[in-house]
Amino acid sequence: MTMLAVVRVRAGVRMSESQERTLRMLHLPVPNSCSLLKNAPEVMGMLKAVEAYITWGDANDATKAAVKKLAKDTKDEFCRLNPPRKGYGRKGNKVQFNAGGALGPRGEKINALIERMVV
């Protein structure tokens, strides 16, 4: 089963309680945190519920290794990252990725974003 890398992009100003609870269940408590999750239908439903605050895509082996190395506990698959070098995108973190921003699904390009955040 493929793993998804999920990165929280935005803070929780004016966020509903259910969205905040969903982000905690996804292990994304603060902006610039990253989590590795299984690609399952129930996870995709949770991602769609909070897609105004996160971005995600298919993680490659290098990304998985980097996140696991930065994780504080060996069984955890989430960590805090630095803000990305050169920013999230030309339109910032309030616009969908397919429109030039940072939010929503980005496929394989999530690996380049996480690489910029690990450095």
N, C-alpha and C. Protein backbone atom coordinates (compact mmCIF):
# COMPACT_ATOMS: atom_id res chain seq x y z
N MET A 1 0.84 -1.18 0.00
CA MET A 1 0.00 0.00 0.00
C MET A 1 0.88 1.24 0.00
N THR A 2 0.50 2.23 -0.78
CA THR A 2 1.29 3.44 -0.87
C THR A 2 1.07 4.33 0.35
N MET A 3 2.07 5.12 0.63
CA MET A 3 2.00 6.04 1.76
C MET A 3 1.83 7.46 1.22
N LEU A 4 1.03 8.24 1.93
CA LEU A 4 0.83 9.63 1.60
C LEU A 4 1.62 10.50 2.57
N ALA A 5 2.29 11.49 2.05
CA ALA A 5 2.93 12.50 2.88
C ALA A 5 1.97 13.68 2.95
N VAL A 6 1.61 14.08 4.16
CA VAL A 6 0.67 15.17 4.38
C VAL A 6 1.37 16.27 5.16
N VAL A 7 1.27 17.51 4.67
CA VAL A 7 1.93 18.65 5.30
C VAL A 7 0.85 19.69 5.62
N ARG A 8 0.84 20.14 6.86
CA ARG A 8 -0.07 21.23 7.23
C ARG A 8 0.56 22.54 6.81
N VAL A 9 -0.19 23.34 6.06
CA VAL A 9 0.32 24.57 5.48
C VAL A 9 -0.14 25.80 6.24
N ARG A 10 -1.38 25.80 6.70
CA ARG A 10 -1.98 26.99 7.29
C ARG A 10 -2.27 26.80 8.77
N ALA A 11 -2.36 27.93 9.48
CA ALA A 11 -2.73 27.91 10.89
C ALA A 11 -4.25 27.78 11.02
N GLY A 12 -4.73 27.64 12.24
CA GLY A 12 -6.13 27.34 12.46
C GLY A 12 -7.00 28.52 12.85
N VAL A 13 -6.80 29.67 12.28
CA VAL A 13 -7.64 30.82 12.58
C VAL A 13 -9.02 30.59 11.96
N ARG A 14 -10.05 30.74 12.76
CA ARG A 14 -11.45 30.55 12.35
C ARG A 14 -11.73 29.13 11.87
N MET A 15 -11.05 28.16 12.44
CA MET A 15 -11.25 26.76 12.07
C MET A 15 -12.34 26.17 12.96
N SER A 16 -13.17 25.31 12.38
CA SER A 16 -14.21 24.67 13.18
C SER A 16 -13.58 23.62 14.10
N GLU A 17 -14.32 23.26 15.14
CA GLU A 17 -13.83 22.28 16.10
C GLU A 17 -13.62 20.92 15.44
N SER A 18 -14.49 20.55 14.51
CA SER A 18 -14.34 19.24 13.85
C SER A 18 -13.10 19.22 12.95
N GLN A 19 -12.79 20.33 12.29
CA GLN A 19 -11.58 20.38 11.48
C GLN A 19 -10.34 20.32 12.35
N GLU A 20 -10.36 21.00 13.48
CA GLU A 20 -9.23 20.96 14.40
C GLU A 20 -9.01 19.54 14.94
N ARG A 21 -10.10 18.85 15.26
CA ARG A 21 -10.03 17.48 15.75
C ARG A 21 -9.48 16.56 14.65
N THR A 22 -9.91 16.77 13.42
CA THR A 22 -9.42 15.96 12.30
C THR A 22 -7.92 16.14 12.10
N LEU A 23 -7.44 17.37 12.20
CA LEU A 23 -6.00 17.61 12.05
C LEU A 23 -5.21 16.96 13.18
N ARG A 24 -5.76 16.95 14.39
CA ARG A 24 -5.07 16.26 15.48
C ARG A 24 -5.03 14.76 15.24
N MET A 25 -6.10 14.19 14.68
CA MET A 25 -6.11 12.75 14.38
C MET A 25 -5.11 12.41 13.27
N LEU A 26 -4.86 13.37 12.38
CA LEU A 26 -3.88 13.18 11.32
C LEU A 26 -2.46 13.47 11.79
N HIS A 27 -2.28 13.81 13.06
CA HIS A 27 -0.98 14.15 13.66
C HIS A 27 -0.38 15.39 13.01
N LEU A 28 -1.23 16.40 12.79
CA LEU A 28 -0.79 17.67 12.22
C LEU A 28 -1.23 18.81 13.14
N PRO A 29 -0.61 18.95 14.32
CA PRO A 29 -1.10 19.92 15.29
C PRO A 29 -0.76 21.38 14.96
N VAL A 30 0.34 21.61 14.25
CA VAL A 30 0.79 22.97 13.97
C VAL A 30 1.22 23.09 12.51
N PRO A 31 1.28 24.33 11.98
CA PRO A 31 1.76 24.49 10.61
C PRO A 31 3.18 23.96 10.44
N ASN A 32 3.49 23.52 9.25
CA ASN A 32 4.78 22.95 8.86
C ASN A 32 5.05 21.61 9.53
N SER A 33 4.03 20.93 9.98
CA SER A 33 4.22 19.57 10.48
C SER A 33 3.87 18.60 9.35
N CYS A 34 4.50 17.44 9.37
CA CYS A 34 4.36 16.45 8.31
C CYS A 34 4.02 15.11 8.92
N SER A 35 3.18 14.35 8.21
CA SER A 35 2.76 13.03 8.68
C SER A 35 2.72 12.07 7.50
N LEU A 36 3.08 10.82 7.74
CA LEU A 36 2.97 9.77 6.73
C LEU A 36 1.76 8.91 7.07
N LEU A 37 0.85 8.77 6.10
CA LEU A 37 -0.40 8.04 6.31
C LEU A 37 -0.61 7.03 5.20
N LYS A 38 -1.34 5.94 5.52
CA LYS A 38 -1.69 4.96 4.50
C LYS A 38 -2.74 5.55 3.57
N ASN A 39 -2.66 5.19 2.31
CA ASN A 39 -3.61 5.67 1.31
C ASN A 39 -4.86 4.79 1.39
N ALA A 40 -5.80 5.16 2.26
CA ALA A 40 -7.03 4.41 2.48
C ALA A 40 -8.22 5.35 2.29
N PRO A 41 -9.40 4.82 1.98
CA PRO A 41 -10.57 5.68 1.76
C PRO A 41 -10.94 6.54 2.97
N GLU A 42 -10.81 5.99 4.18
CA GLU A 42 -11.15 6.79 5.36
C GLU A 42 -10.16 7.93 5.57
N VAL A 43 -8.91 7.72 5.24
CA VAL A 43 -7.91 8.79 5.34
C VAL A 43 -8.18 9.86 4.28
N MET A 44 -8.54 9.44 3.07
CA MET A 44 -8.84 10.41 2.01
C MET A 44 -10.04 11.27 2.38
N GLY A 45 -11.02 10.71 3.06
CA GLY A 45 -12.16 11.49 3.52
C GLY A 45 -11.75 12.55 4.52
N MET A 46 -10.84 12.18 5.42
CA MET A 46 -10.33 13.14 6.40
C MET A 46 -9.52 14.24 5.71
N LEU A 47 -8.73 13.88 4.70
CA LEU A 47 -7.94 14.87 3.98
C LEU A 47 -8.84 15.85 3.24
N LYS A 48 -9.91 15.36 2.64
CA LYS A 48 -10.84 16.24 1.92
C LYS A 48 -11.54 17.20 2.88
N ALA A 49 -11.78 16.75 4.13
CA ALA A 49 -12.46 17.61 5.10
C ALA A 49 -11.61 18.79 5.53
N VAL A 50 -10.29 18.66 5.47
CA VAL A 50 -9.39 19.74 5.92
C VAL A 50 -8.45 20.20 4.80
N GLU A 51 -8.85 20.04 3.55
CA GLU A 51 -7.94 20.38 2.46
C GLU A 51 -7.68 21.87 2.32
N ALA A 52 -8.41 22.71 3.05
CA ALA A 52 -8.13 24.15 3.05
C ALA A 52 -6.95 24.50 3.93
N TYR A 53 -6.38 23.50 4.63
CA TYR A 53 -5.27 23.74 5.55
C TYR A 53 -4.05 22.88 5.25
N ILE A 54 -4.14 21.92 4.33
CA ILE A 54 -3.06 20.96 4.12
C ILE A 54 -2.76 20.77 2.64
N THR A 55 -1.65 20.10 2.38
CA THR A 55 -1.31 19.61 1.05
C THR A 55 -0.79 18.19 1.21
N TRP A 56 -0.96 17.34 0.19
CA TRP A 56 -0.55 15.96 0.31
C TRP A 56 -0.21 15.38 -1.06
N GLY A 57 0.50 14.24 -1.02
CA GLY A 57 0.87 13.53 -2.23
C GLY A 57 1.54 12.22 -1.90
N ASP A 58 1.91 11.45 -2.93
CA ASP A 58 2.54 10.15 -2.75
C ASP A 58 4.00 10.33 -2.34
N ALA A 59 4.36 9.72 -1.22
CA ALA A 59 5.72 9.84 -0.70
C ALA A 59 6.64 8.80 -1.33
N ASN A 60 7.85 9.23 -1.72
CA ASN A 60 8.83 8.26 -2.21
C ASN A 60 9.68 7.79 -1.03
N ASP A 61 10.61 6.89 -1.30
CA ASP A 61 11.42 6.30 -0.23
C ASP A 61 12.29 7.33 0.49
N ALA A 62 12.84 8.30 -0.24
CA ALA A 62 13.68 9.31 0.38
C ALA A 62 12.88 10.18 1.35
N THR A 63 11.66 10.51 0.97
CA THR A 63 10.80 11.32 1.84
C THR A 63 10.43 10.54 3.09
N LYS A 64 10.08 9.28 2.92
CA LYS A 64 9.74 8.44 4.08
C LYS A 64 10.92 8.36 5.05
N ALA A 65 12.11 8.18 4.52
CA ALA A 65 13.29 8.07 5.37
C ALA A 65 13.57 9.39 6.09
N ALA A 66 13.40 10.52 5.41
CA ALA A 66 13.65 11.82 6.03
C ALA A 66 12.66 12.09 7.16
N VAL A 67 11.39 11.78 6.95
CA VAL A 67 10.39 12.02 7.99
C VAL A 67 10.62 11.10 9.18
N LYS A 68 10.93 9.84 8.92
CA LYS A 68 11.18 8.90 10.03
C LYS A 68 12.43 9.29 10.81
N LYS A 69 13.42 9.85 10.12
CA LYS A 69 14.65 10.27 10.80
C LYS A 69 14.38 11.47 11.71
N LEU A 70 13.50 12.37 11.28
CA LEU A 70 13.20 13.55 12.07
C LEU A 70 12.17 13.29 13.18
N ALA A 71 11.46 12.17 13.11
CA ALA A 71 10.45 11.85 14.12
C ALA A 71 11.13 11.63 15.47
N LYS A 72 10.50 12.11 16.53
CA LYS A 72 11.10 12.00 17.85
C LYS A 72 11.04 10.58 18.39
N ASP A 73 9.97 9.88 18.10
CA ASP A 73 9.81 8.50 18.56
C ASP A 73 9.93 7.58 17.35
N THR A 74 10.53 6.43 17.50
CA THR A 74 10.79 5.57 16.36
C THR A 74 9.51 5.00 15.76
N LYS A 75 8.44 4.86 16.55
CA LYS A 75 7.21 4.30 16.00
C LYS A 75 6.34 5.37 15.34
N ASP A 76 6.60 6.64 15.63
CA ASP A 76 5.82 7.72 15.04
C ASP A 76 6.28 8.00 13.63
N GLU A 77 5.34 8.46 12.82
CA GLU A 77 5.66 8.84 11.46
C GLU A 77 5.18 10.25 11.19
N PHE A 78 5.48 11.15 12.11
CA PHE A 78 5.17 12.56 11.92
C PHE A 78 6.26 13.39 12.57
N CYS A 79 6.46 14.61 12.06
CA CYS A 79 7.53 15.45 12.57
C CYS A 79 7.25 16.91 12.23
N ARG A 80 8.01 17.80 12.87
CA ARG A 80 7.98 19.22 12.57
C ARG A 80 9.03 19.50 11.52
N LEU A 81 8.71 20.37 10.57
CA LEU A 81 9.64 20.76 9.52
C LEU A 81 9.83 22.27 9.55
N ASN A 82 10.86 22.73 8.86
CA ASN A 82 11.08 24.16 8.68
C ASN A 82 10.16 24.67 7.57
N PRO A 83 9.90 25.98 7.52
CA PRO A 83 9.17 26.51 6.36
C PRO A 83 9.97 26.23 5.09
N PRO A 84 9.32 26.04 3.96
CA PRO A 84 10.06 25.69 2.74
C PRO A 84 10.89 26.84 2.21
N ARG A 85 12.06 26.51 1.74
CA ARG A 85 12.90 27.52 1.09
C ARG A 85 12.20 27.95 -0.19
N LYS A 86 12.19 29.23 -0.45
CA LYS A 86 11.56 29.86 -1.60
C LYS A 86 10.04 29.75 -1.57
N GLY A 87 9.46 29.47 -0.41
CA GLY A 87 8.02 29.54 -0.23
C GLY A 87 7.24 28.35 -0.75
N TYR A 88 5.94 28.41 -0.56
CA TYR A 88 5.04 27.33 -0.96
C TYR A 88 4.68 27.36 -2.44
N GLY A 89 4.58 28.52 -3.01
CA GLY A 89 4.20 28.65 -4.41
C GLY A 89 4.05 30.11 -4.75
N ARG A 90 3.88 30.40 -5.99
CA ARG A 90 3.86 31.80 -6.38
C ARG A 90 2.62 32.54 -5.89
N LYS A 91 1.52 31.81 -5.61
CA LYS A 91 0.31 32.47 -5.11
C LYS A 91 0.10 32.26 -3.62
N GLY A 92 1.05 31.64 -2.93
CA GLY A 92 0.98 31.53 -1.48
C GLY A 92 0.18 30.35 -0.97
N ASN A 93 -0.21 30.41 0.29
CA ASN A 93 -0.83 29.27 0.94
C ASN A 93 -2.34 29.40 1.11
N LYS A 94 -2.98 30.21 0.28
CA LYS A 94 -4.44 30.32 0.34
C LYS A 94 -5.10 29.87 -0.95
N VAL A 95 -4.32 29.35 -1.90
CA VAL A 95 -4.82 28.96 -3.22
C VAL A 95 -4.49 27.49 -3.45
N GLN A 96 -5.35 26.80 -4.19
CA GLN A 96 -5.13 25.39 -4.51
C GLN A 96 -3.86 25.22 -5.34
N PHE A 97 -3.24 24.05 -5.22
CA PHE A 97 -1.98 23.78 -5.91
C PHE A 97 -2.13 23.85 -7.42
N ASN A 98 -3.23 23.32 -7.96
CA ASN A 98 -3.41 23.33 -9.41
C ASN A 98 -3.65 24.73 -9.96
N ALA A 99 -3.86 25.74 -9.08
CA ALA A 99 -4.01 27.12 -9.52
C ALA A 99 -2.77 27.95 -9.18
N GLY A 100 -1.68 27.29 -8.77
CA GLY A 100 -0.44 27.99 -8.49
C GLY A 100 -0.16 28.23 -7.02
N GLY A 101 -0.98 27.70 -6.14
CA GLY A 101 -0.78 27.91 -4.71
C GLY A 101 -0.18 26.70 -4.04
N ALA A 102 -0.59 26.44 -2.79
CA ALA A 102 0.03 25.38 -2.00
C ALA A 102 -0.94 24.33 -1.48
N LEU A 103 -2.24 24.53 -1.56
CA LEU A 103 -3.20 23.66 -0.90
C LEU A 103 -3.67 22.51 -1.78
N GLY A 104 -4.12 21.43 -1.14
CA GLY A 104 -4.72 20.32 -1.85
C GLY A 104 -3.73 19.28 -2.34
N PRO A 105 -4.20 18.36 -3.18
CA PRO A 105 -3.33 17.29 -3.66
C PRO A 105 -2.28 17.79 -4.65
N ARG A 106 -1.06 17.26 -4.53
CA ARG A 106 0.00 17.65 -5.46
C ARG A 106 0.77 16.47 -6.02
N GLY A 107 0.35 15.25 -5.74
CA GLY A 107 0.96 14.06 -6.34
C GLY A 107 2.41 13.88 -5.94
N GLU A 108 3.25 13.59 -6.90
CA GLU A 108 4.67 13.34 -6.66
C GLU A 108 5.44 14.60 -6.28
N LYS A 109 4.89 15.76 -6.53
CA LYS A 109 5.60 17.01 -6.24
C LYS A 109 5.68 17.30 -4.75
N ILE A 110 5.00 16.53 -3.92
CA ILE A 110 5.10 16.69 -2.47
C ILE A 110 6.52 16.39 -2.01
N ASN A 111 7.20 15.50 -2.72
CA ASN A 111 8.56 15.13 -2.33
C ASN A 111 9.52 16.31 -2.47
N ALA A 112 9.34 17.12 -3.52
CA ALA A 112 10.19 18.30 -3.69
C ALA A 112 9.91 19.33 -2.60
N LEU A 113 8.64 19.48 -2.21
CA LEU A 113 8.31 20.41 -1.14
C LEU A 113 8.94 19.98 0.18
N ILE A 114 8.81 18.71 0.53
CA ILE A 114 9.39 18.23 1.79
C ILE A 114 10.91 18.33 1.76
N GLU A 115 11.51 18.10 0.61
CA GLU A 115 12.97 18.23 0.49
C GLU A 115 13.40 19.67 0.79
N ARG A 116 12.60 20.66 0.33
CA ARG A 116 12.91 22.07 0.62
C ARG A 116 12.68 22.39 2.08
N MET A 117 11.81 21.64 2.76
CA MET A 117 11.49 21.91 4.15
C MET A 117 12.47 21.23 5.11
N VAL A 118 13.11 20.17 4.69
CA VAL A 118 14.04 19.42 5.55
C VAL A 118 15.37 20.15 5.64
N VAL A 119 15.78 20.80 4.59
CA VAL A 119 17.10 21.44 4.53
C VAL A 119 17.25 22.50 5.58
